[in-house]
Amino acid sequence: MRVRDVLGVSAERQRQATRVMQVLMVMFLGIGIERGSTGLIVNGLVALGVTFLPAALEREYDLPMDAGLTLWITTAVFLHALGVAGVPGVTGNLYAEASPIPFWDHITHALSASVVAAVGYTVARAVDEHTESVYLPSRFMFVFILTFVAAFGVAWEVLEFAIGGIAAAVGSGSVLTQYGLEDTIYDLVFDLVGAVIVAVWGTAHLTDVAGAVTERIDRRRETR
């Protein structure tokens, strides 16, 4: 089953939505350059680059990255870039404590974590199907997805802390920002929310991708 079957929106409409978000991210880059904001420029470039990753994976590795999966990934990075850029008439960005959307950080963390969970599941399932020496039952897979996302989330928070400390030490703006221990705890909780959503409802829609990864691993093994 593909993601577009769940969304109930045509593949063409989903591709159009993806293109619109890519154009907006180019605009965010322009805003970052105009403001001289290193954080906005770096976040915008990384987010824009990620949106082209599905097409590259499909072209180079024959992975079935349908329009729904591409839209899913693009939406996650777009909302993050929008949060950093902010909206007209609002002081600061959407991640700030004075944000007009106080739960913005929760939304972006849950959505980004769902993408991380999808990657973790796809790789684990491909390994499971590739070799008979590895068996991952459904109940374990649920736990694995949560553990994988939790570990990634902790690593991300440590990275934010380290980058913020380095930026403070050299007196420059930080690319990533932490807003205290409470914010970190909330980030990790909503990371798990995204993981649970994928573990419960999302794995069925990643079957094609996991199967394609398994086939590629098998082909590489046969050529050795």
N, C-alpha and C. Protein backbone atom coordinates (compact mmCIF):
# COMPACT_ATOMS: atom_id res chain seq x y z
N MET A 1 0.85 -1.20 0.00
CA MET A 1 0.00 0.00 0.00
C MET A 1 0.88 1.24 0.00
N ARG A 2 0.49 2.22 -0.76
CA ARG A 2 1.29 3.43 -0.86
C ARG A 2 0.66 4.56 -0.04
N VAL A 3 1.50 5.58 0.28
CA VAL A 3 1.03 6.68 1.12
C VAL A 3 -0.11 7.44 0.46
N ARG A 4 -0.07 7.57 -0.86
CA ARG A 4 -1.12 8.34 -1.52
C ARG A 4 -2.49 7.67 -1.38
N ASP A 5 -2.50 6.33 -1.21
CA ASP A 5 -3.77 5.64 -1.02
C ASP A 5 -4.43 6.06 0.28
N VAL A 6 -3.61 6.40 1.29
CA VAL A 6 -4.14 6.84 2.58
C VAL A 6 -4.59 8.29 2.53
N LEU A 7 -3.81 9.12 1.87
CA LEU A 7 -4.12 10.55 1.81
C LEU A 7 -5.37 10.84 1.00
N GLY A 8 -5.69 9.99 0.05
CA GLY A 8 -6.86 10.23 -0.78
C GLY A 8 -6.69 11.39 -1.73
N VAL A 9 -5.44 11.75 -2.03
CA VAL A 9 -5.13 12.86 -2.94
C VAL A 9 -4.31 12.30 -4.09
N SER A 10 -4.57 12.78 -5.29
CA SER A 10 -3.88 12.25 -6.46
C SER A 10 -2.38 12.49 -6.35
N ALA A 11 -1.62 11.63 -7.01
CA ALA A 11 -0.17 11.76 -6.99
C ALA A 11 0.27 13.10 -7.58
N GLU A 12 -0.45 13.56 -8.60
CA GLU A 12 -0.10 14.84 -9.22
C GLU A 12 -0.26 15.99 -8.24
N ARG A 13 -1.34 15.98 -7.47
CA ARG A 13 -1.57 17.03 -6.47
C ARG A 13 -0.48 16.99 -5.40
N GLN A 14 -0.08 15.80 -5.02
CA GLN A 14 0.97 15.68 -4.02
C GLN A 14 2.30 16.20 -4.55
N ARG A 15 2.58 15.92 -5.81
CA ARG A 15 3.81 16.45 -6.40
C ARG A 15 3.76 17.97 -6.48
N GLN A 16 2.61 18.51 -6.80
CA GLN A 16 2.46 19.97 -6.85
C GLN A 16 2.70 20.59 -5.47
N ALA A 17 2.15 19.98 -4.44
CA ALA A 17 2.36 20.48 -3.07
C ALA A 17 3.84 20.45 -2.70
N THR A 18 4.53 19.40 -3.12
CA THR A 18 5.97 19.29 -2.86
C THR A 18 6.72 20.42 -3.54
N ARG A 19 6.36 20.70 -4.81
CA ARG A 19 7.04 21.77 -5.57
C ARG A 19 6.81 23.12 -4.91
N VAL A 20 5.61 23.37 -4.45
CA VAL A 20 5.30 24.64 -3.79
C VAL A 20 6.18 24.82 -2.56
N MET A 21 6.31 23.79 -1.76
CA MET A 21 7.14 23.89 -0.56
C MET A 21 8.61 24.08 -0.90
N GLN A 22 9.06 23.47 -2.00
CA GLN A 22 10.45 23.67 -2.41
C GLN A 22 10.69 25.11 -2.82
N VAL A 23 9.75 25.69 -3.54
CA VAL A 23 9.87 27.10 -3.95
C VAL A 23 9.91 28.01 -2.71
N LEU A 24 9.05 27.72 -1.75
CA LEU A 24 9.02 28.52 -0.53
C LEU A 24 10.34 28.40 0.24
N MET A 25 10.95 27.23 0.21
CA MET A 25 12.22 27.07 0.90
C MET A 25 13.34 27.85 0.21
N VAL A 26 13.25 27.98 -1.10
CA VAL A 26 14.20 28.85 -1.81
C VAL A 26 14.00 30.29 -1.34
N MET A 27 12.76 30.68 -1.13
CA MET A 27 12.48 32.02 -0.61
C MET A 27 13.05 32.19 0.80
N PHE A 28 12.95 31.15 1.62
CA PHE A 28 13.53 31.21 2.96
C PHE A 28 15.04 31.47 2.88
N LEU A 29 15.69 30.82 1.91
CA LEU A 29 17.12 31.04 1.72
C LEU A 29 17.40 32.49 1.39
N GLY A 30 16.57 33.06 0.52
CA GLY A 30 16.73 34.47 0.16
C GLY A 30 16.57 35.37 1.38
N ILE A 31 15.59 35.04 2.22
CA ILE A 31 15.37 35.82 3.44
C ILE A 31 16.58 35.70 4.37
N GLY A 32 17.12 34.48 4.46
CA GLY A 32 18.29 34.27 5.31
C GLY A 32 19.49 35.07 4.83
N ILE A 33 19.69 35.11 3.51
CA ILE A 33 20.80 35.88 2.95
C ILE A 33 20.59 37.37 3.21
N GLU A 34 19.35 37.82 3.03
CA GLU A 34 19.05 39.24 3.27
C GLU A 34 19.29 39.63 4.73
N ARG A 35 18.91 38.75 5.63
CA ARG A 35 19.08 39.03 7.06
C ARG A 35 20.50 38.77 7.54
N GLY A 36 21.27 38.06 6.73
CA GLY A 36 22.59 37.65 7.18
C GLY A 36 22.52 36.62 8.29
N SER A 37 21.47 35.77 8.24
CA SER A 37 21.23 34.77 9.28
C SER A 37 21.84 33.43 8.89
N THR A 38 22.94 33.07 9.56
CA THR A 38 23.59 31.79 9.28
C THR A 38 22.65 30.62 9.56
N GLY A 39 21.91 30.72 10.68
CA GLY A 39 20.99 29.65 11.05
C GLY A 39 19.94 29.40 9.99
N LEU A 40 19.35 30.47 9.47
CA LEU A 40 18.29 30.34 8.47
C LEU A 40 18.87 29.81 7.15
N ILE A 41 20.05 30.27 6.79
CA ILE A 41 20.67 29.82 5.54
C ILE A 41 21.00 28.33 5.61
N VAL A 42 21.64 27.91 6.70
CA VAL A 42 22.03 26.50 6.84
C VAL A 42 20.81 25.60 6.92
N ASN A 43 19.84 25.98 7.76
CA ASN A 43 18.63 25.16 7.89
C ASN A 43 17.87 25.10 6.57
N GLY A 44 17.82 26.21 5.86
CA GLY A 44 17.14 26.24 4.57
C GLY A 44 17.81 25.37 3.53
N LEU A 45 19.14 25.44 3.47
CA LEU A 45 19.88 24.63 2.51
C LEU A 45 19.73 23.14 2.79
N VAL A 46 19.86 22.78 4.06
CA VAL A 46 19.73 21.37 4.42
C VAL A 46 18.32 20.86 4.12
N ALA A 47 17.31 21.66 4.50
CA ALA A 47 15.93 21.25 4.26
C ALA A 47 15.65 21.10 2.77
N LEU A 48 16.12 22.06 1.97
CA LEU A 48 15.90 21.99 0.52
C LEU A 48 16.61 20.78 -0.07
N GLY A 49 17.82 20.50 0.41
CA GLY A 49 18.55 19.34 -0.08
C GLY A 49 17.84 18.04 0.22
N VAL A 50 17.25 17.94 1.41
CA VAL A 50 16.54 16.72 1.80
C VAL A 50 15.35 16.46 0.88
N THR A 51 14.70 17.52 0.39
CA THR A 51 13.52 17.34 -0.46
C THR A 51 13.86 16.67 -1.79
N PHE A 52 15.13 16.76 -2.20
CA PHE A 52 15.55 16.11 -3.45
C PHE A 52 16.08 14.70 -3.22
N LEU A 53 16.20 14.32 -1.95
CA LEU A 53 16.73 12.99 -1.63
C LEU A 53 15.86 11.85 -2.15
N PRO A 54 14.50 11.91 -2.00
CA PRO A 54 13.69 10.80 -2.53
C PRO A 54 13.90 10.55 -4.01
N ALA A 55 13.96 11.62 -4.80
CA ALA A 55 14.17 11.45 -6.24
C ALA A 55 15.53 10.82 -6.53
N ALA A 56 16.55 11.21 -5.75
CA ALA A 56 17.88 10.65 -5.94
C ALA A 56 17.90 9.16 -5.57
N LEU A 57 17.21 8.81 -4.49
CA LEU A 57 17.16 7.40 -4.08
C LEU A 57 16.43 6.55 -5.13
N GLU A 58 15.39 7.11 -5.71
CA GLU A 58 14.64 6.38 -6.73
C GLU A 58 15.47 6.22 -8.00
N ARG A 59 16.18 7.29 -8.36
CA ARG A 59 16.97 7.25 -9.59
C ARG A 59 18.21 6.38 -9.46
N GLU A 60 18.91 6.50 -8.34
CA GLU A 60 20.19 5.80 -8.19
C GLU A 60 20.05 4.37 -7.66
N TYR A 61 19.01 4.13 -6.83
CA TYR A 61 18.90 2.83 -6.18
C TYR A 61 17.58 2.11 -6.46
N ASP A 62 16.77 2.66 -7.36
CA ASP A 62 15.51 2.03 -7.76
C ASP A 62 14.55 1.81 -6.59
N LEU A 63 14.58 2.70 -5.61
CA LEU A 63 13.65 2.60 -4.49
C LEU A 63 12.33 3.26 -4.88
N PRO A 64 11.21 2.62 -4.58
CA PRO A 64 9.90 3.16 -4.98
C PRO A 64 9.43 4.30 -4.08
N MET A 65 10.02 5.47 -4.27
CA MET A 65 9.65 6.64 -3.47
C MET A 65 8.48 7.35 -4.14
N ASP A 66 7.26 6.95 -3.81
CA ASP A 66 6.10 7.52 -4.48
C ASP A 66 5.85 8.95 -4.01
N ALA A 67 4.87 9.60 -4.63
CA ALA A 67 4.60 11.01 -4.35
C ALA A 67 4.23 11.24 -2.90
N GLY A 68 3.54 10.27 -2.30
CA GLY A 68 3.13 10.41 -0.90
C GLY A 68 4.31 10.40 0.05
N LEU A 69 5.27 9.50 -0.17
CA LEU A 69 6.45 9.46 0.67
C LEU A 69 7.28 10.74 0.52
N THR A 70 7.40 11.20 -0.72
CA THR A 70 8.13 12.44 -0.97
C THR A 70 7.46 13.62 -0.27
N LEU A 71 6.14 13.68 -0.32
CA LEU A 71 5.41 14.76 0.34
C LEU A 71 5.59 14.68 1.85
N TRP A 72 5.57 13.49 2.39
CA TRP A 72 5.77 13.27 3.83
C TRP A 72 7.11 13.85 4.28
N ILE A 73 8.17 13.49 3.57
CA ILE A 73 9.51 13.96 3.91
C ILE A 73 9.63 15.47 3.72
N THR A 74 9.09 15.96 2.60
CA THR A 74 9.17 17.39 2.30
C THR A 74 8.43 18.22 3.34
N THR A 75 7.26 17.75 3.76
CA THR A 75 6.48 18.48 4.75
C THR A 75 7.25 18.59 6.06
N ALA A 76 7.92 17.52 6.46
CA ALA A 76 8.68 17.53 7.72
C ALA A 76 9.77 18.59 7.69
N VAL A 77 10.56 18.63 6.63
CA VAL A 77 11.66 19.60 6.59
C VAL A 77 11.16 21.01 6.30
N PHE A 78 10.05 21.12 5.55
CA PHE A 78 9.49 22.44 5.26
C PHE A 78 8.99 23.11 6.54
N LEU A 79 8.26 22.37 7.36
CA LEU A 79 7.74 22.95 8.59
C LEU A 79 8.87 23.38 9.52
N HIS A 80 9.95 22.62 9.52
CA HIS A 80 11.10 23.02 10.33
C HIS A 80 11.71 24.32 9.79
N ALA A 81 11.90 24.39 8.47
CA ALA A 81 12.47 25.60 7.87
C ALA A 81 11.56 26.80 8.08
N LEU A 82 10.25 26.59 7.98
CA LEU A 82 9.30 27.67 8.23
C LEU A 82 9.39 28.12 9.68
N GLY A 83 9.55 27.19 10.59
CA GLY A 83 9.68 27.54 11.99
C GLY A 83 10.89 28.42 12.26
N VAL A 84 11.98 28.14 11.58
CA VAL A 84 13.20 28.94 11.74
C VAL A 84 13.02 30.32 11.10
N ALA A 85 12.38 30.35 9.92
CA ALA A 85 12.20 31.61 9.21
C ALA A 85 11.19 32.53 9.90
N GLY A 86 10.15 31.94 10.50
CA GLY A 86 9.11 32.75 11.11
C GLY A 86 8.11 33.23 10.09
N VAL A 87 7.16 34.03 10.55
CA VAL A 87 6.12 34.56 9.68
C VAL A 87 6.12 36.08 9.77
N PRO A 88 5.67 36.78 8.71
CA PRO A 88 5.66 38.25 8.71
C PRO A 88 4.84 38.81 9.88
N GLY A 89 5.37 39.85 10.50
CA GLY A 89 4.65 40.51 11.58
C GLY A 89 4.85 39.89 12.94
N VAL A 90 5.65 38.82 13.01
CA VAL A 90 5.89 38.14 14.28
C VAL A 90 7.36 38.25 14.62
N THR A 91 7.66 38.72 15.82
CA THR A 91 9.04 38.85 16.26
C THR A 91 9.62 37.47 16.59
N GLY A 92 10.81 37.21 16.08
CA GLY A 92 11.42 35.91 16.33
C GLY A 92 10.84 34.83 15.44
N ASN A 93 11.27 33.59 15.68
CA ASN A 93 10.78 32.49 14.86
C ASN A 93 9.70 31.70 15.61
N LEU A 94 9.16 30.69 14.95
CA LEU A 94 8.05 29.93 15.52
C LEU A 94 8.51 28.97 16.62
N TYR A 95 9.82 28.83 16.79
CA TYR A 95 10.34 27.99 17.86
C TYR A 95 10.54 28.77 19.17
N ALA A 96 10.52 30.09 19.08
CA ALA A 96 10.80 30.92 20.25
C ALA A 96 9.70 30.77 21.30
N GLU A 97 10.03 31.13 22.55
CA GLU A 97 9.06 31.01 23.63
C GLU A 97 7.85 31.90 23.40
N ALA A 98 8.05 33.01 22.67
CA ALA A 98 6.94 33.93 22.40
C ALA A 98 6.24 33.61 21.09
N SER A 99 6.42 32.41 20.59
CA SER A 99 5.83 32.02 19.31
C SER A 99 4.30 32.10 19.36
N PRO A 100 3.66 32.59 18.28
CA PRO A 100 2.19 32.61 18.24
C PRO A 100 1.58 31.22 18.16
N ILE A 101 2.42 30.24 17.85
CA ILE A 101 1.97 28.83 17.81
C ILE A 101 2.84 28.07 18.80
N PRO A 102 2.46 28.05 20.07
CA PRO A 102 3.33 27.48 21.11
C PRO A 102 3.65 26.00 20.94
N PHE A 103 2.82 25.29 20.20
CA PHE A 103 3.06 23.85 20.02
C PHE A 103 3.76 23.55 18.70
N TRP A 104 4.30 24.56 18.04
CA TRP A 104 4.97 24.35 16.75
C TRP A 104 6.12 23.36 16.88
N ASP A 105 6.91 23.52 17.92
CA ASP A 105 8.05 22.64 18.14
C ASP A 105 7.60 21.20 18.29
N HIS A 106 6.46 20.99 18.95
CA HIS A 106 5.95 19.63 19.15
C HIS A 106 5.55 19.00 17.80
N ILE A 107 4.91 19.79 16.96
CA ILE A 107 4.47 19.29 15.65
C ILE A 107 5.68 18.87 14.81
N THR A 108 6.67 19.75 14.73
CA THR A 108 7.82 19.46 13.88
C THR A 108 8.63 18.28 14.41
N HIS A 109 8.73 18.16 15.72
CA HIS A 109 9.48 17.02 16.28
C HIS A 109 8.75 15.71 16.01
N ALA A 110 7.45 15.70 16.19
CA ALA A 110 6.69 14.47 15.95
C ALA A 110 6.77 14.06 14.48
N LEU A 111 6.65 15.04 13.58
CA LEU A 111 6.68 14.74 12.15
C LEU A 111 8.07 14.30 11.71
N SER A 112 9.10 15.01 12.18
CA SER A 112 10.47 14.62 11.83
C SER A 112 10.80 13.24 12.39
N ALA A 113 10.33 12.98 13.62
CA ALA A 113 10.58 11.67 14.23
C ALA A 113 9.89 10.56 13.45
N SER A 114 8.75 10.86 12.86
CA SER A 114 8.05 9.84 12.07
C SER A 114 8.88 9.45 10.84
N VAL A 115 9.58 10.43 10.26
CA VAL A 115 10.45 10.13 9.12
C VAL A 115 11.63 9.27 9.58
N VAL A 116 12.22 9.63 10.73
CA VAL A 116 13.32 8.84 11.29
C VAL A 116 12.85 7.41 11.57
N ALA A 117 11.66 7.29 12.13
CA ALA A 117 11.10 5.97 12.42
C ALA A 117 10.92 5.16 11.14
N ALA A 118 10.47 5.82 10.09
CA ALA A 118 10.28 5.14 8.81
C ALA A 118 11.61 4.61 8.27
N VAL A 119 12.65 5.41 8.39
CA VAL A 119 13.98 4.97 7.93
C VAL A 119 14.45 3.77 8.75
N GLY A 120 14.31 3.88 10.08
CA GLY A 120 14.73 2.79 10.95
C GLY A 120 13.98 1.50 10.66
N TYR A 121 12.67 1.62 10.48
CA TYR A 121 11.86 0.43 10.18
C TYR A 121 12.27 -0.19 8.84
N THR A 122 12.44 0.64 7.83
CA THR A 122 12.76 0.14 6.49
C THR A 122 14.07 -0.64 6.50
N VAL A 123 15.09 -0.09 7.14
CA VAL A 123 16.39 -0.76 7.19
C VAL A 123 16.30 -2.06 7.99
N ALA A 124 15.64 -2.00 9.16
CA ALA A 124 15.52 -3.19 10.00
C ALA A 124 14.74 -4.29 9.30
N ARG A 125 13.65 -3.93 8.63
CA ARG A 125 12.84 -4.93 7.93
C ARG A 125 13.62 -5.53 6.76
N ALA A 126 14.40 -4.71 6.08
CA ALA A 126 15.20 -5.21 4.96
C ALA A 126 16.24 -6.22 5.46
N VAL A 127 16.88 -5.93 6.58
CA VAL A 127 17.85 -6.86 7.16
C VAL A 127 17.15 -8.14 7.59
N ASP A 128 15.98 -8.00 8.18
CA ASP A 128 15.19 -9.16 8.63
C ASP A 128 14.86 -10.08 7.46
N GLU A 129 14.46 -9.50 6.34
CA GLU A 129 14.07 -10.29 5.19
C GLU A 129 15.28 -10.82 4.42
N HIS A 130 16.41 -10.14 4.56
CA HIS A 130 17.60 -10.51 3.79
C HIS A 130 18.28 -11.75 4.33
N THR A 131 18.33 -11.90 5.64
CA THR A 131 19.08 -13.01 6.22
C THR A 131 18.21 -13.85 7.14
N GLU A 132 18.40 -15.15 7.08
CA GLU A 132 17.64 -16.06 7.91
C GLU A 132 18.14 -16.07 9.36
N SER A 133 19.33 -15.54 9.59
CA SER A 133 19.89 -15.53 10.94
C SER A 133 19.30 -14.42 11.80
N VAL A 134 18.52 -13.53 11.18
CA VAL A 134 17.89 -12.43 11.92
C VAL A 134 16.38 -12.57 11.79
N TYR A 135 15.69 -12.57 12.92
CA TYR A 135 14.23 -12.63 12.91
C TYR A 135 13.69 -11.56 13.85
N LEU A 136 12.91 -10.67 13.31
CA LEU A 136 12.36 -9.56 14.10
C LEU A 136 10.84 -9.67 14.12
N PRO A 137 10.26 -10.24 15.17
CA PRO A 137 8.81 -10.35 15.26
C PRO A 137 8.15 -8.98 15.37
N SER A 138 6.86 -8.94 15.10
CA SER A 138 6.13 -7.67 15.06
C SER A 138 6.24 -6.90 16.37
N ARG A 139 6.11 -7.60 17.49
CA ARG A 139 6.16 -6.93 18.79
C ARG A 139 7.54 -6.32 19.03
N PHE A 140 8.57 -7.03 18.63
CA PHE A 140 9.92 -6.49 18.79
C PHE A 140 10.12 -5.29 17.87
N MET A 141 9.56 -5.35 16.66
CA MET A 141 9.72 -4.25 15.71
C MET A 141 9.13 -2.97 16.29
N PHE A 142 8.00 -3.09 16.98
CA PHE A 142 7.39 -1.93 17.62
C PHE A 142 8.37 -1.31 18.62
N VAL A 143 8.95 -2.16 19.47
CA VAL A 143 9.91 -1.69 20.47
C VAL A 143 11.15 -1.12 19.79
N PHE A 144 11.60 -1.78 18.72
CA PHE A 144 12.78 -1.31 18.00
C PHE A 144 12.58 0.10 17.46
N ILE A 145 11.43 0.34 16.85
CA ILE A 145 11.16 1.67 16.27
C ILE A 145 11.21 2.74 17.35
N LEU A 146 10.57 2.48 18.49
CA LEU A 146 10.58 3.45 19.59
C LEU A 146 11.99 3.68 20.11
N THR A 147 12.74 2.59 20.28
CA THR A 147 14.11 2.70 20.79
C THR A 147 15.01 3.44 19.81
N PHE A 148 14.86 3.12 18.53
CA PHE A 148 15.67 3.77 17.48
C PHE A 148 15.42 5.27 17.47
N VAL A 149 14.15 5.67 17.52
CA VAL A 149 13.81 7.09 17.49
C VAL A 149 14.27 7.79 18.77
N ALA A 150 14.09 7.11 19.91
CA ALA A 150 14.53 7.71 21.18
C ALA A 150 16.04 7.96 21.17
N ALA A 151 16.80 6.99 20.67
CA ALA A 151 18.25 7.14 20.61
C ALA A 151 18.63 8.29 19.67
N PHE A 152 17.96 8.35 18.53
CA PHE A 152 18.23 9.43 17.58
C PHE A 152 17.88 10.77 18.21
N GLY A 153 16.74 10.82 18.93
CA GLY A 153 16.31 12.06 19.56
C GLY A 153 17.30 12.55 20.60
N VAL A 154 17.83 11.64 21.41
CA VAL A 154 18.83 12.01 22.42
C VAL A 154 20.08 12.54 21.74
N ALA A 155 20.53 11.86 20.69
CA ALA A 155 21.71 12.30 19.96
C ALA A 155 21.50 13.70 19.37
N TRP A 156 20.28 13.95 18.87
CA TRP A 156 19.97 15.26 18.29
C TRP A 156 20.01 16.35 19.37
N GLU A 157 19.45 16.06 20.54
CA GLU A 157 19.45 17.05 21.62
C GLU A 157 20.88 17.35 22.08
N VAL A 158 21.72 16.32 22.14
CA VAL A 158 23.12 16.53 22.50
C VAL A 158 23.80 17.40 21.44
N LEU A 159 23.49 17.15 20.17
CA LEU A 159 24.06 17.94 19.09
C LEU A 159 23.63 19.40 19.21
N GLU A 160 22.33 19.63 19.50
CA GLU A 160 21.85 20.99 19.69
C GLU A 160 22.60 21.69 20.82
N PHE A 161 22.78 20.97 21.93
CA PHE A 161 23.48 21.54 23.08
C PHE A 161 24.93 21.89 22.72
N ALA A 162 25.59 20.97 22.01
CA ALA A 162 26.99 21.18 21.65
C ALA A 162 27.15 22.36 20.69
N ILE A 163 26.28 22.43 19.68
CA ILE A 163 26.36 23.52 18.72
C ILE A 163 26.07 24.85 19.38
N GLY A 164 25.06 24.85 20.28
CA GLY A 164 24.75 26.08 21.00
C GLY A 164 25.91 26.53 21.86
N GLY A 165 26.59 25.58 22.53
CA GLY A 165 27.74 25.92 23.36
C GLY A 165 28.90 26.46 22.55
N ILE A 166 29.16 25.84 21.40
CA ILE A 166 30.24 26.31 20.53
C ILE A 166 29.93 27.71 20.00
N ALA A 167 28.67 27.93 19.59
CA ALA A 167 28.28 29.24 19.07
C ALA A 167 28.44 30.32 20.13
N ALA A 168 28.06 29.99 21.37
CA ALA A 168 28.20 30.96 22.47
C ALA A 168 29.67 31.26 22.75
N ALA A 169 30.51 30.22 22.63
CA ALA A 169 31.93 30.39 22.93
C ALA A 169 32.63 31.28 21.91
N VAL A 170 32.22 31.15 20.65
CA VAL A 170 32.88 31.95 19.59
C VAL A 170 32.13 33.24 19.30
N GLY A 171 30.98 33.42 19.98
CA GLY A 171 30.22 34.66 19.81
C GLY A 171 29.48 34.79 18.51
N SER A 172 29.01 33.67 17.96
CA SER A 172 28.25 33.70 16.71
C SER A 172 26.85 33.15 16.94
N GLY A 173 25.99 33.34 15.94
CA GLY A 173 24.63 32.81 16.03
C GLY A 173 24.63 31.30 15.90
N SER A 174 23.72 30.64 16.60
CA SER A 174 23.67 29.18 16.57
C SER A 174 22.74 28.69 15.47
N VAL A 175 23.15 27.61 14.80
CA VAL A 175 22.31 27.01 13.77
C VAL A 175 21.14 26.27 14.41
N LEU A 176 21.41 25.62 15.56
CA LEU A 176 20.38 24.93 16.32
C LEU A 176 20.33 25.53 17.72
N THR A 177 19.12 25.59 18.29
CA THR A 177 18.95 26.26 19.58
C THR A 177 18.19 25.38 20.56
N GLN A 178 18.65 25.38 21.80
CA GLN A 178 17.93 24.71 22.87
C GLN A 178 17.31 25.77 23.78
N TYR A 179 16.13 25.44 24.33
CA TYR A 179 15.43 26.39 25.19
C TYR A 179 15.27 25.87 26.61
N GLY A 180 16.18 24.99 27.04
CA GLY A 180 16.15 24.53 28.41
C GLY A 180 15.78 23.06 28.53
N LEU A 181 15.92 22.56 29.77
CA LEU A 181 15.67 21.15 30.04
C LEU A 181 14.22 20.76 29.76
N GLU A 182 13.28 21.59 30.15
CA GLU A 182 11.86 21.26 29.93
C GLU A 182 11.56 21.11 28.45
N ASP A 183 12.13 22.01 27.65
CA ASP A 183 11.94 21.93 26.20
C ASP A 183 12.52 20.63 25.65
N THR A 184 13.66 20.23 26.17
CA THR A 184 14.30 18.98 25.73
C THR A 184 13.42 17.77 26.04
N ILE A 185 12.84 17.74 27.23
CA ILE A 185 11.97 16.64 27.61
C ILE A 185 10.75 16.57 26.69
N TYR A 186 10.15 17.73 26.42
CA TYR A 186 9.00 17.75 25.52
C TYR A 186 9.40 17.27 24.12
N ASP A 187 10.58 17.68 23.67
CA ASP A 187 11.05 17.24 22.35
C ASP A 187 11.12 15.72 22.29
N LEU A 188 11.68 15.10 23.32
CA LEU A 188 11.83 13.65 23.33
C LEU A 188 10.48 12.95 23.42
N VAL A 189 9.54 13.53 24.17
CA VAL A 189 8.20 12.94 24.27
C VAL A 189 7.52 12.95 22.91
N PHE A 190 7.60 14.07 22.20
CA PHE A 190 6.93 14.15 20.90
C PHE A 190 7.69 13.39 19.82
N ASP A 191 8.99 13.16 20.03
CA ASP A 191 9.70 12.23 19.15
C ASP A 191 9.06 10.85 19.24
N LEU A 192 8.74 10.43 20.46
CA LEU A 192 8.12 9.12 20.66
C LEU A 192 6.70 9.09 20.10
N VAL A 193 6.00 10.23 20.13
CA VAL A 193 4.67 10.29 19.53
C VAL A 193 4.76 9.97 18.04
N GLY A 194 5.73 10.59 17.36
CA GLY A 194 5.92 10.31 15.94
C GLY A 194 6.30 8.87 15.69
N ALA A 195 7.12 8.30 16.59
CA ALA A 195 7.53 6.91 16.45
C ALA A 195 6.35 5.96 16.61
N VAL A 196 5.49 6.24 17.57
CA VAL A 196 4.32 5.39 17.82
C VAL A 196 3.38 5.42 16.61
N ILE A 197 3.18 6.60 16.04
CA ILE A 197 2.30 6.72 14.87
C ILE A 197 2.78 5.82 13.74
N VAL A 198 4.09 5.83 13.49
CA VAL A 198 4.64 4.98 12.42
C VAL A 198 4.57 3.51 12.81
N ALA A 199 4.91 3.21 14.06
CA ALA A 199 4.91 1.81 14.50
C ALA A 199 3.53 1.19 14.43
N VAL A 200 2.49 1.98 14.69
CA VAL A 200 1.12 1.45 14.71
C VAL A 200 0.47 1.49 13.33
N TRP A 201 0.63 2.61 12.62
CA TRP A 201 -0.11 2.77 11.37
C TRP A 201 0.75 2.89 10.11
N GLY A 202 2.03 3.20 10.28
CA GLY A 202 2.83 3.54 9.11
C GLY A 202 3.59 2.42 8.45
N THR A 203 3.86 1.33 9.17
CA THR A 203 4.73 0.31 8.61
C THR A 203 4.15 -0.37 7.38
N ALA A 204 2.84 -0.49 7.32
CA ALA A 204 2.20 -1.15 6.18
C ALA A 204 2.44 -0.37 4.89
N HIS A 205 2.67 0.93 5.00
CA HIS A 205 2.84 1.77 3.82
C HIS A 205 4.30 1.89 3.40
N LEU A 206 5.18 1.17 4.13
CA LEU A 206 6.60 1.19 3.79
C LEU A 206 7.06 -0.14 3.24
N THR A 207 6.11 -1.04 2.98
CA THR A 207 6.44 -2.39 2.52
C THR A 207 7.20 -2.37 1.21
N ASP A 208 6.76 -1.55 0.26
CA ASP A 208 7.41 -1.50 -1.05
C ASP A 208 8.87 -1.05 -0.94
N VAL A 209 9.10 -0.03 -0.12
CA VAL A 209 10.47 0.48 0.03
C VAL A 209 11.35 -0.56 0.71
N ALA A 210 10.84 -1.18 1.79
CA ALA A 210 11.61 -2.21 2.50
C ALA A 210 11.94 -3.37 1.56
N GLY A 211 10.97 -3.77 0.73
CA GLY A 211 11.21 -4.85 -0.22
C GLY A 211 12.27 -4.49 -1.24
N ALA A 212 12.25 -3.23 -1.70
CA ALA A 212 13.25 -2.79 -2.68
C ALA A 212 14.65 -2.75 -2.07
N VAL A 213 14.75 -2.32 -0.81
CA VAL A 213 16.04 -2.31 -0.13
C VAL A 213 16.56 -3.74 0.03
N THR A 214 15.67 -4.67 0.38
CA THR A 214 16.06 -6.07 0.52
C THR A 214 16.59 -6.62 -0.80
N GLU A 215 15.90 -6.34 -1.89
CA GLU A 215 16.33 -6.83 -3.21
C GLU A 215 17.71 -6.28 -3.57
N ARG A 216 17.94 -5.02 -3.22
CA ARG A 216 19.24 -4.42 -3.55
C ARG A 216 20.35 -5.06 -2.74
N ILE A 217 20.08 -5.33 -1.46
CA ILE A 217 21.07 -6.01 -0.61
C ILE A 217 21.37 -7.40 -1.17
N ASP A 218 20.32 -8.10 -1.60
CA ASP A 218 20.50 -9.45 -2.17
C ASP A 218 21.35 -9.41 -3.43
N ARG A 219 21.09 -8.42 -4.28
CA ARG A 219 21.87 -8.30 -5.53
C ARG A 219 23.32 -8.02 -5.26
N ARG A 220 23.60 -7.15 -4.29
CA ARG A 220 24.98 -6.83 -3.95
C ARG A 220 25.69 -8.08 -3.41
N ARG A 221 24.96 -8.87 -2.64
CA ARG A 221 25.56 -10.08 -2.08
C ARG A 221 25.87 -11.10 -3.16
N GLU A 222 24.97 -11.19 -4.16
CA GLU A 222 25.18 -12.15 -5.24
C GLU A 222 26.35 -11.79 -6.14
N THR A 223 26.65 -10.49 -6.25
CA THR A 223 27.74 -10.04 -7.14
C THR A 223 29.11 -10.16 -6.49
N ARG A 224 29.14 -10.44 -5.18
CA ARG A 224 30.42 -10.57 -4.49
C ARG A 224 31.04 -11.95 -4.72
